[in-house]
Amino acid sequence: MSFGGRYKNNAIIPYEGVGGAELRPEQRQALLDLTKCYLSTLPSGPLAACMNDVERHLSETHFCWAGGMGEESPFYYRIQSPVVMIEFDHHKGVILNNPEPEKFHVHTIVRTPNGNDYGMDLLRLHYETAPHHKTAHQRHGDHGSANPHRHRHDHD
């Protein structure tokens, strides 16, 4: 059910579920705690900055849930705000042999909305947009070179 998977940069995903402004204080804290679990791999400085952004936008944050509530029931949830989107999803198998979503097959995604943060070929983008590569291509032309980027740069 993932809305934020690969090749979905800048996808417009409608907010769904309960809004942060509608939550009681203890529910808002639970939402912040859950969000922090996903962001906790960041170093302390970026984590604090990110959590500050999340807290500033808490009233605009939504939590949605789909699926069962039973012990064996697969489910999906999404935390979505202007500054972060987190998805938790039980998946069906591709290589695994489960035709329906199962609790043992979990995917999670943490995205920066409209951040071009996932699935983008940054090296290709650099070659296509960096001025020093454009002039190098114009100078060398396309002479059938197997590696048109053999010339040296500060970053090589």
Protein backbone atom coordinates (compact mmCIF):
# COMPACT_ATOMS: atom_id res chain seq x y z
CA MET A 1 0.00 0.00 0.00
CA SER A 2 3.04 2.29 0.16
CA PHE A 3 2.50 5.81 -1.18
CA GLY A 4 6.08 6.97 -0.70
CA GLY A 5 8.07 4.19 -2.32
CA ARG A 6 10.71 4.47 -4.98
CA TYR A 7 10.22 6.77 -7.96
CA LYS A 8 7.53 8.72 -6.11
CA ASN A 9 9.45 11.94 -5.57
CA ASN A 10 7.16 14.91 -5.09
CA ALA A 11 4.04 12.74 -5.26
CA ILE A 12 0.97 14.57 -4.01
CA ILE A 13 -0.36 12.35 -1.26
CA PRO A 14 -3.57 13.56 0.36
CA TYR A 15 -3.60 13.90 4.12
CA GLU A 16 -5.79 11.24 5.68
CA GLY A 17 -6.71 10.17 9.17
CA VAL A 18 -6.79 12.12 12.37
CA GLY A 19 -5.08 15.50 12.48
CA GLY A 20 -2.61 16.46 15.19
CA ALA A 21 -4.81 19.40 16.20
CA GLU A 22 -7.56 16.90 17.11
CA LEU A 23 -5.36 14.82 19.43
CA ARG A 24 -5.31 15.02 23.21
CA PRO A 25 -1.93 15.98 24.76
CA GLU A 26 -1.00 12.37 25.58
CA GLN A 27 -1.89 11.29 22.02
CA ARG A 28 0.23 14.10 20.57
CA GLN A 29 3.13 12.96 22.75
CA ALA A 30 2.64 9.34 21.59
CA LEU A 31 2.74 10.54 17.97
CA LEU A 32 5.94 12.50 18.63
CA ASP A 33 7.49 9.48 20.37
CA LEU A 34 6.60 7.21 17.45
CA THR A 35 8.02 9.72 14.97
CA LYS A 36 11.23 9.96 16.99
CA CYS A 37 11.63 6.17 16.82
CA TYR A 38 11.89 6.44 13.04
CA LEU A 39 14.23 9.43 13.11
CA SER A 40 16.47 8.12 15.90
CA THR A 41 19.14 6.92 13.48
CA LEU A 42 20.07 10.56 12.87
CA PRO A 43 22.98 12.06 14.82
CA SER A 44 21.86 14.08 17.85
CA GLY A 45 22.03 17.54 16.20
CA PRO A 46 20.05 16.68 13.05
CA LEU A 47 17.64 14.61 15.16
CA ALA A 48 16.93 17.59 17.43
CA ALA A 49 16.46 19.89 14.42
CA CYS A 50 14.16 17.44 12.68
CA MET A 51 12.09 16.83 15.80
CA ASN A 52 11.79 20.60 16.32
CA ASP A 53 10.39 20.85 12.77
CA VAL A 54 7.99 17.98 13.46
CA GLU A 55 6.78 19.62 16.68
CA ARG A 56 6.30 22.99 14.95
CA HIS A 57 4.04 21.28 12.39
CA LEU A 58 2.27 18.92 14.79
CA SER A 59 -1.15 20.53 14.29
CA GLU A 60 -0.76 19.91 10.52
CA THR A 61 0.39 16.31 11.01
CA HIS A 62 -1.97 13.44 10.29
CA PHE A 63 -1.98 9.82 11.41
CA CYS A 64 -3.88 7.28 9.35
CA TRP A 65 -4.35 3.56 9.89
CA ALA A 66 -5.61 0.82 7.57
CA GLY A 67 -6.02 -2.84 8.36
CA GLY A 68 -6.84 -4.97 11.32
CA MET A 69 -6.29 -4.55 15.01
CA GLY A 70 -5.94 -8.25 15.87
CA GLU A 71 -2.70 -9.90 16.99
CA GLU A 72 -2.23 -11.61 13.60
CA SER A 73 -3.78 -8.90 11.41
CA PRO A 74 -1.55 -7.06 8.93
CA PHE A 75 -1.89 -3.29 8.90
CA TYR A 76 -0.56 -0.05 7.48
CA TYR A 77 -0.06 3.34 9.05
CA ARG A 78 1.25 6.69 7.92
CA ILE A 79 2.47 9.76 9.78
CA GLN A 80 2.36 12.67 7.37
CA SER A 81 3.21 16.33 7.84
CA PRO A 82 4.76 19.14 5.81
CA VAL A 83 8.22 18.06 7.05
CA VAL A 84 8.15 14.26 7.30
CA MET A 85 6.25 11.28 5.95
CA ILE A 86 6.62 7.90 7.62
CA GLU A 87 4.99 4.69 6.44
CA PHE A 88 4.79 1.26 8.05
CA ASP A 89 3.35 -1.45 5.85
CA HIS A 90 2.97 -5.22 5.96
CA HIS A 91 3.59 -6.51 2.44
CA LYS A 92 2.71 -9.49 0.35
CA GLY A 93 5.63 -11.41 -1.04
CA VAL A 94 7.55 -10.89 -4.22
CA ILE A 95 10.38 -13.28 -3.45
CA LEU A 96 8.80 -14.40 -0.21
CA ASN A 97 5.96 -16.86 -0.66
CA ASN A 98 3.06 -14.91 0.86
CA PRO A 99 0.34 -13.89 -1.63
CA GLU A 100 -1.34 -11.60 0.96
CA PRO A 101 0.25 -9.07 3.31
CA GLU A 102 1.71 -10.83 6.35
CA LYS A 103 3.08 -9.56 9.67
CA PHE A 104 6.51 -11.09 9.01
CA HIS A 105 7.07 -8.95 5.89
CA VAL A 106 7.41 -5.30 6.91
CA HIS A 107 8.45 -2.25 4.91
CA THR A 108 9.04 1.15 6.46
CA ILE A 109 9.77 4.44 4.71
CA VAL A 110 10.84 7.81 6.05
CA ARG A 111 10.61 10.61 3.50
CA THR A 112 11.00 14.34 3.33
CA PRO A 113 7.91 15.59 1.47
CA ASN A 114 8.87 17.25 -1.81
CA GLY A 115 12.49 16.70 -0.91
CA ASN A 116 13.68 14.64 -3.89
CA ASP A 117 15.16 12.37 -1.26
CA TYR A 118 14.66 8.87 -2.64
CA GLY A 119 15.27 7.11 -5.89
CA MET A 120 16.95 10.02 -7.61
CA ASP A 121 20.12 9.41 -9.60
CA LEU A 122 22.13 12.24 -8.07
CA LEU A 123 25.29 11.50 -10.06
CA ARG A 124 23.41 11.64 -13.36
CA LEU A 125 21.71 14.85 -12.26
CA HIS A 126 25.14 16.29 -11.44
CA TYR A 127 26.54 15.36 -14.86
CA GLU A 128 23.50 16.83 -16.60
CA THR A 129 23.35 20.09 -14.68
CA ALA A 130 26.83 21.01 -13.42
CA PRO A 131 28.31 23.76 -15.61
CA HIS A 132 31.78 22.19 -15.66
CA HIS A 133 30.32 19.01 -17.15
CA LYS A 134 28.36 20.89 -19.79
CA THR A 135 31.48 22.70 -21.01
CA ALA A 136 33.50 19.48 -20.95
CA HIS A 137 30.90 17.76 -23.14
CA GLN A 138 30.86 20.65 -25.57
CA ARG A 139 34.68 20.66 -25.78
CA HIS A 140 35.03 16.92 -26.21
CA GLY A 141 31.86 16.28 -28.15
CA ASP A 142 30.56 12.76 -28.40
CA HIS A 143 33.35 10.79 -30.07
CA GLY A 144 31.99 7.43 -29.04
CA SER A 145 34.03 7.40 -25.85
CA ALA A 146 33.08 4.55 -23.56
CA ASN A 147 33.44 6.88 -20.59
CA PRO A 148 32.61 10.50 -21.40
CA HIS A 149 33.41 11.50 -17.80
CA ARG A 150 37.08 10.51 -17.69
CA HIS A 151 38.28 14.09 -17.38
CA ARG A 152 39.50 15.20 -13.96
CA HIS A 153 37.62 17.52 -11.62
CA ASP A 154 38.00 18.64 -8.04
CA HIS A 155 35.60 15.89 -6.96
CA ASP A 156 37.27 12.99 -8.83
